[in-house]
N, C-alpha and C. Protein backbone atom coordinates (compact mmCIF):
# COMPACT_ATOMS: atom_id res chain seq x y z
N MET A 1 116.39 12.33 21.80
CA MET A 1 115.03 12.34 22.30
C MET A 1 114.16 11.31 21.57
N GLU A 2 114.38 11.17 20.27
CA GLU A 2 113.60 10.21 19.49
C GLU A 2 113.90 8.77 19.92
N ASN A 3 115.17 8.48 20.20
CA ASN A 3 115.53 7.14 20.70
C ASN A 3 114.90 6.86 22.05
N GLN A 4 114.86 7.88 22.89
CA GLN A 4 114.26 7.73 24.22
C GLN A 4 112.77 7.40 24.09
N LYS A 5 112.10 8.08 23.18
CA LYS A 5 110.68 7.83 22.95
C LYS A 5 110.46 6.41 22.43
N LYS A 6 111.30 5.95 21.51
CA LYS A 6 111.19 4.60 20.99
C LYS A 6 111.39 3.57 22.11
N ASN A 7 112.35 3.83 22.99
CA ASN A 7 112.62 2.92 24.11
C ASN A 7 111.42 2.83 25.05
N ILE A 8 110.78 3.96 25.30
CA ILE A 8 109.60 3.97 26.18
C ILE A 8 108.46 3.19 25.53
N LEU A 9 108.22 3.42 24.25
CA LEU A 9 107.15 2.70 23.54
C LEU A 9 107.41 1.20 23.54
N CYS A 10 108.65 0.81 23.35
CA CYS A 10 109.01 -0.60 23.33
C CYS A 10 108.82 -1.21 24.73
N ALA A 11 109.25 -0.49 25.75
CA ALA A 11 109.13 -0.98 27.13
C ALA A 11 107.67 -1.14 27.53
N LEU A 12 106.81 -0.23 27.12
CA LEU A 12 105.40 -0.29 27.48
C LEU A 12 104.74 -1.57 26.98
N LYS A 13 105.18 -2.06 25.85
CA LYS A 13 104.60 -3.27 25.27
C LYS A 13 104.92 -4.52 26.09
N ASN A 14 105.91 -4.41 26.98
CA ASN A 14 106.35 -5.57 27.75
C ASN A 14 106.01 -5.49 29.23
N LEU A 15 105.42 -4.40 29.67
CA LEU A 15 105.13 -4.24 31.10
C LEU A 15 103.88 -5.00 31.51
N ASP A 16 103.95 -5.62 32.68
CA ASP A 16 102.80 -6.31 33.25
C ASP A 16 102.08 -5.45 34.27
N LEU A 17 102.81 -4.50 34.86
CA LEU A 17 102.26 -3.67 35.92
C LEU A 17 102.79 -2.25 35.78
N ILE A 18 101.87 -1.29 35.86
CA ILE A 18 102.24 0.13 35.84
C ILE A 18 101.60 0.77 37.06
N VAL A 19 102.40 1.48 37.85
CA VAL A 19 101.90 2.16 39.04
C VAL A 19 102.14 3.65 38.88
N ASN A 20 101.06 4.43 38.95
CA ASN A 20 101.19 5.88 38.94
C ASN A 20 101.18 6.36 40.38
N ALA A 21 102.34 6.79 40.85
CA ALA A 21 102.45 7.32 42.21
C ALA A 21 102.82 8.80 42.17
N THR A 22 102.50 9.44 41.05
CA THR A 22 102.78 10.87 40.90
C THR A 22 101.53 11.67 41.25
N SER A 23 101.68 12.97 41.31
CA SER A 23 100.54 13.85 41.60
C SER A 23 99.90 14.39 40.33
N VAL A 24 100.28 13.88 39.18
CA VAL A 24 99.77 14.38 37.90
C VAL A 24 98.24 14.35 37.86
N GLY A 25 97.63 13.27 38.29
CA GLY A 25 96.18 13.14 38.24
C GLY A 25 95.44 14.10 39.16
N LEU A 26 96.10 14.52 40.24
CA LEU A 26 95.46 15.46 41.16
C LEU A 26 95.22 16.81 40.51
N ARG A 27 96.07 17.14 39.56
CA ARG A 27 95.93 18.42 38.85
C ARG A 27 95.10 18.27 37.59
N ARG A 28 94.48 17.07 37.43
CA ARG A 28 93.59 16.79 36.31
C ARG A 28 94.29 16.95 34.95
N LYS A 29 95.61 16.76 34.93
CA LYS A 29 96.34 16.86 33.68
C LYS A 29 96.35 15.52 32.96
N LYS A 30 96.30 15.58 31.65
CA LYS A 30 96.36 14.37 30.85
C LYS A 30 97.79 13.82 30.89
N LEU A 31 97.91 12.53 30.68
CA LEU A 31 99.21 11.89 30.66
C LEU A 31 99.72 11.79 29.23
N ASP A 32 99.85 12.92 28.57
CA ASP A 32 100.27 12.93 27.17
C ASP A 32 101.67 12.34 26.99
N PHE A 33 102.49 12.44 28.01
CA PHE A 33 103.85 11.96 27.93
C PHE A 33 103.94 10.43 28.08
N PHE A 34 102.81 9.81 28.39
CA PHE A 34 102.77 8.37 28.66
C PHE A 34 101.76 7.72 27.74
N PRO A 35 102.18 7.22 26.59
CA PRO A 35 101.24 6.69 25.58
C PRO A 35 100.65 5.33 25.96
N LEU A 36 99.56 5.36 26.69
CA LEU A 36 98.93 4.13 27.17
C LEU A 36 98.41 3.23 26.06
N GLU A 37 98.19 3.79 24.90
CA GLU A 37 97.69 2.99 23.79
C GLU A 37 98.66 1.87 23.43
N ASN A 38 99.91 1.99 23.89
CA ASN A 38 100.93 1.01 23.53
C ASN A 38 101.12 -0.09 24.56
N ILE A 39 100.37 -0.07 25.66
CA ILE A 39 100.55 -1.14 26.64
C ILE A 39 99.79 -2.38 26.21
N LYS A 40 100.24 -3.52 26.71
CA LYS A 40 99.55 -4.76 26.35
C LYS A 40 98.24 -4.87 27.12
N ALA A 41 97.30 -5.53 26.55
CA ALA A 41 95.95 -5.61 27.11
C ALA A 41 95.90 -6.31 28.46
N SER A 42 96.86 -7.17 28.74
CA SER A 42 96.85 -7.91 30.01
C SER A 42 97.53 -7.16 31.16
N ALA A 43 98.06 -5.99 30.88
CA ALA A 43 98.75 -5.22 31.93
C ALA A 43 97.75 -4.73 32.98
N LEU A 44 98.25 -4.57 34.21
CA LEU A 44 97.46 -4.00 35.30
C LEU A 44 97.98 -2.61 35.60
N ILE A 45 97.06 -1.68 35.84
CA ILE A 45 97.42 -0.30 36.14
C ILE A 45 96.91 0.03 37.54
N PHE A 46 97.76 0.62 38.37
CA PHE A 46 97.35 1.12 39.68
C PHE A 46 97.57 2.62 39.69
N ASP A 47 96.52 3.36 39.91
CA ASP A 47 96.60 4.82 40.05
C ASP A 47 96.39 5.11 41.53
N MET A 48 97.41 5.57 42.20
CA MET A 48 97.39 5.68 43.65
C MET A 48 96.59 6.88 44.18
N ILE A 49 95.92 7.60 43.31
CA ILE A 49 95.19 8.80 43.72
C ILE A 49 93.86 8.46 44.38
N TYR A 50 93.62 9.06 45.53
CA TYR A 50 92.32 8.97 46.20
C TYR A 50 91.57 10.24 45.81
N SER A 51 90.56 10.11 45.01
CA SER A 51 89.86 11.29 44.51
C SER A 51 88.38 10.97 44.32
N ARG A 52 87.58 12.00 44.43
CA ARG A 52 86.14 11.84 44.17
C ARG A 52 85.83 11.72 42.69
N VAL A 53 86.71 12.27 41.89
CA VAL A 53 86.49 12.24 40.44
C VAL A 53 87.51 11.31 39.79
N GLU A 54 87.14 10.78 38.67
CA GLU A 54 88.01 9.87 37.94
C GLU A 54 89.25 10.61 37.44
N SER A 55 90.40 10.05 37.68
CA SER A 55 91.64 10.67 37.22
C SER A 55 91.79 10.48 35.71
N PRO A 56 92.59 11.30 35.06
CA PRO A 56 92.81 11.13 33.62
C PRO A 56 93.35 9.74 33.28
N LEU A 57 94.21 9.20 34.13
CA LEU A 57 94.74 7.86 33.89
C LEU A 57 93.64 6.81 33.93
N MET A 58 92.77 6.86 34.92
CA MET A 58 91.67 5.91 35.02
C MET A 58 90.72 6.05 33.84
N HIS A 59 90.46 7.28 33.43
CA HIS A 59 89.59 7.54 32.29
C HIS A 59 90.17 6.92 31.02
N THR A 60 91.46 7.13 30.80
CA THR A 60 92.11 6.58 29.61
C THR A 60 92.11 5.06 29.64
N CYS A 61 92.42 4.48 30.79
CA CYS A 61 92.43 3.01 30.91
C CYS A 61 91.06 2.43 30.64
N GLN A 62 90.03 3.08 31.17
CA GLN A 62 88.66 2.61 30.95
C GLN A 62 88.32 2.64 29.46
N GLY A 63 88.72 3.69 28.80
CA GLY A 63 88.46 3.81 27.36
C GLY A 63 89.20 2.77 26.54
N LEU A 64 90.35 2.34 27.02
CA LEU A 64 91.15 1.34 26.30
C LEU A 64 90.80 -0.09 26.71
N GLY A 65 89.97 -0.23 27.73
CA GLY A 65 89.62 -1.56 28.21
C GLY A 65 90.72 -2.23 29.02
N VAL A 66 91.61 -1.44 29.58
CA VAL A 66 92.73 -1.96 30.37
C VAL A 66 92.29 -2.10 31.82
N HIS A 67 92.72 -3.15 32.48
CA HIS A 67 92.38 -3.36 33.89
C HIS A 67 93.12 -2.35 34.75
N ALA A 68 92.36 -1.50 35.43
CA ALA A 68 92.97 -0.45 36.24
C ALA A 68 92.27 -0.34 37.59
N PHE A 69 93.05 -0.02 38.60
CA PHE A 69 92.54 0.16 39.96
C PHE A 69 92.98 1.53 40.45
N ASP A 70 92.05 2.22 41.09
CA ASP A 70 92.39 3.54 41.60
C ASP A 70 92.60 3.48 43.11
N GLY A 71 92.81 4.64 43.72
CA GLY A 71 93.07 4.72 45.15
C GLY A 71 92.04 4.01 46.01
N PRO A 72 90.73 4.30 45.85
CA PRO A 72 89.74 3.62 46.69
C PRO A 72 89.74 2.11 46.50
N GLY A 73 89.90 1.65 45.28
CA GLY A 73 89.97 0.21 45.04
C GLY A 73 91.18 -0.40 45.71
N ARG A 74 92.28 0.31 45.64
CA ARG A 74 93.51 -0.15 46.30
C ARG A 74 93.30 -0.20 47.80
N LEU A 75 92.60 0.79 48.33
CA LEU A 75 92.31 0.84 49.77
C LEU A 75 91.61 -0.44 50.21
N VAL A 76 90.60 -0.82 49.48
CA VAL A 76 89.85 -2.03 49.85
C VAL A 76 90.71 -3.27 49.66
N ILE A 77 91.31 -3.40 48.51
CA ILE A 77 92.02 -4.63 48.19
C ILE A 77 93.24 -4.83 49.09
N LEU A 78 94.03 -3.80 49.27
CA LEU A 78 95.26 -3.97 50.03
C LEU A 78 95.06 -3.82 51.54
N ASN A 79 94.41 -2.76 51.95
CA ASN A 79 94.33 -2.47 53.38
C ASN A 79 93.21 -3.22 54.09
N VAL A 80 92.01 -3.07 53.63
CA VAL A 80 90.86 -3.67 54.30
C VAL A 80 90.92 -5.19 54.22
N LYS A 81 91.24 -5.71 53.05
CA LYS A 81 91.27 -7.16 52.88
C LYS A 81 92.26 -7.80 53.85
N PHE A 82 93.46 -7.27 53.92
CA PHE A 82 94.47 -7.87 54.78
C PHE A 82 94.15 -7.65 56.25
N SER A 83 93.62 -6.49 56.58
CA SER A 83 93.23 -6.23 57.97
C SER A 83 92.13 -7.20 58.41
N TYR A 84 91.14 -7.39 57.55
CA TYR A 84 90.04 -8.31 57.86
C TYR A 84 90.57 -9.73 58.03
N PHE A 85 91.44 -10.14 57.13
CA PHE A 85 92.00 -11.49 57.20
C PHE A 85 92.81 -11.68 58.48
N LEU A 86 93.63 -10.70 58.84
CA LEU A 86 94.43 -10.80 60.07
C LEU A 86 93.56 -10.92 61.31
N ARG A 87 92.43 -10.24 61.32
CA ARG A 87 91.55 -10.27 62.49
C ARG A 87 90.65 -11.50 62.55
N THR A 88 90.23 -12.00 61.40
CA THR A 88 89.24 -13.09 61.39
C THR A 88 89.78 -14.42 60.87
N GLY A 89 90.86 -14.37 60.10
CA GLY A 89 91.38 -15.57 59.48
C GLY A 89 90.61 -15.98 58.24
N ARG A 90 89.66 -15.15 57.83
CA ARG A 90 88.85 -15.43 56.63
C ARG A 90 89.06 -14.33 55.59
N ASN A 91 88.87 -14.71 54.34
CA ASN A 91 88.95 -13.72 53.27
C ASN A 91 87.63 -12.97 53.18
N PRO A 92 87.68 -11.65 53.10
CA PRO A 92 86.45 -10.87 53.01
C PRO A 92 85.89 -10.85 51.59
N ALA A 93 84.64 -10.40 51.48
CA ALA A 93 83.99 -10.23 50.18
C ALA A 93 84.42 -8.88 49.61
N THR A 94 85.60 -8.84 48.99
CA THR A 94 86.14 -7.56 48.51
C THR A 94 85.29 -6.95 47.40
N THR A 95 84.62 -7.78 46.61
CA THR A 95 83.76 -7.23 45.56
C THR A 95 82.65 -6.41 46.19
N LYS A 96 82.05 -6.92 47.23
CA LYS A 96 80.99 -6.20 47.95
C LYS A 96 81.56 -4.94 48.59
N MET A 97 82.75 -5.03 49.18
CA MET A 97 83.38 -3.86 49.80
C MET A 97 83.64 -2.77 48.77
N CYS A 98 84.17 -3.16 47.63
CA CYS A 98 84.44 -2.18 46.56
C CYS A 98 83.15 -1.54 46.09
N SER A 99 82.11 -2.34 45.95
CA SER A 99 80.81 -1.84 45.51
C SER A 99 80.26 -0.82 46.51
N CYS A 100 80.35 -1.14 47.79
CA CYS A 100 79.86 -0.21 48.83
C CYS A 100 80.67 1.08 48.84
N LEU A 101 81.99 0.95 48.71
CA LEU A 101 82.84 2.13 48.70
C LEU A 101 82.54 3.00 47.49
N GLU A 102 82.36 2.38 46.34
CA GLU A 102 82.04 3.12 45.12
C GLU A 102 80.71 3.85 45.26
N HIS A 103 79.73 3.18 45.85
CA HIS A 103 78.43 3.79 46.09
C HIS A 103 78.56 4.99 47.02
N TYR A 104 79.33 4.84 48.08
CA TYR A 104 79.55 5.95 49.01
C TYR A 104 80.22 7.12 48.29
N LEU A 105 81.25 6.84 47.50
CA LEU A 105 81.96 7.92 46.81
C LEU A 105 81.05 8.65 45.82
N GLN A 106 80.15 7.92 45.17
CA GLN A 106 79.21 8.56 44.24
C GLN A 106 78.27 9.49 45.00
N ILE A 107 77.76 9.04 46.13
CA ILE A 107 76.87 9.88 46.95
C ILE A 107 77.62 11.09 47.46
N ASP A 108 78.84 10.87 47.93
CA ASP A 108 79.66 11.97 48.45
C ASP A 108 79.94 12.99 47.35
N LYS A 109 80.21 12.52 46.14
CA LYS A 109 80.46 13.41 45.01
C LYS A 109 79.22 14.23 44.68
N MET A 110 78.04 13.58 44.65
CA MET A 110 76.80 14.29 44.35
C MET A 110 76.51 15.35 45.42
N LEU A 111 76.75 15.00 46.67
CA LEU A 111 76.49 15.96 47.75
C LEU A 111 77.44 17.15 47.66
N SER A 112 78.69 16.89 47.37
CA SER A 112 79.66 17.99 47.28
C SER A 112 79.39 18.86 46.06
N GLU A 113 78.95 18.28 44.95
CA GLU A 113 78.59 19.06 43.77
C GLU A 113 77.35 19.90 44.03
N GLY A 114 76.38 19.34 44.77
CA GLY A 114 75.17 20.08 45.12
C GLY A 114 75.47 21.26 46.03
N ALA A 115 76.39 21.07 46.96
CA ALA A 115 76.77 22.14 47.88
C ALA A 115 77.51 23.25 47.15
N GLN A 116 78.30 22.90 46.13
CA GLN A 116 79.05 23.90 45.37
C GLN A 116 78.13 24.72 44.47
N SER A 117 77.03 24.14 44.01
CA SER A 117 76.14 24.85 43.10
C SER A 117 75.22 25.81 43.82
N GLN A 118 75.15 25.70 45.14
CA GLN A 118 74.25 26.60 45.90
C GLN A 118 74.93 27.88 46.28
């Protein structure tokens, strides 16, 4: 078990891309088994969860200053961007799209929290 842990820590230092496609974040569980502190600063993290609240992985990445994208960001970058390009032949303003989506999700979260408190 100790060798396996050493191998994981060593591998994390060399990864350029990490994709979380598990349901761990949906249950709001911490990723204690995955020591993100050991990844290189230039690595990209994709958390495939579409959620109103920040997943534990996104929270940890933000605290470490690691570049991370969550489900809504992935939605804009991968789906909307390519769909827009296929239809128009032009690259869309993905920064603006992400900003609008983030704004919508914040409003949606506030409304759902307000409804739950009543």
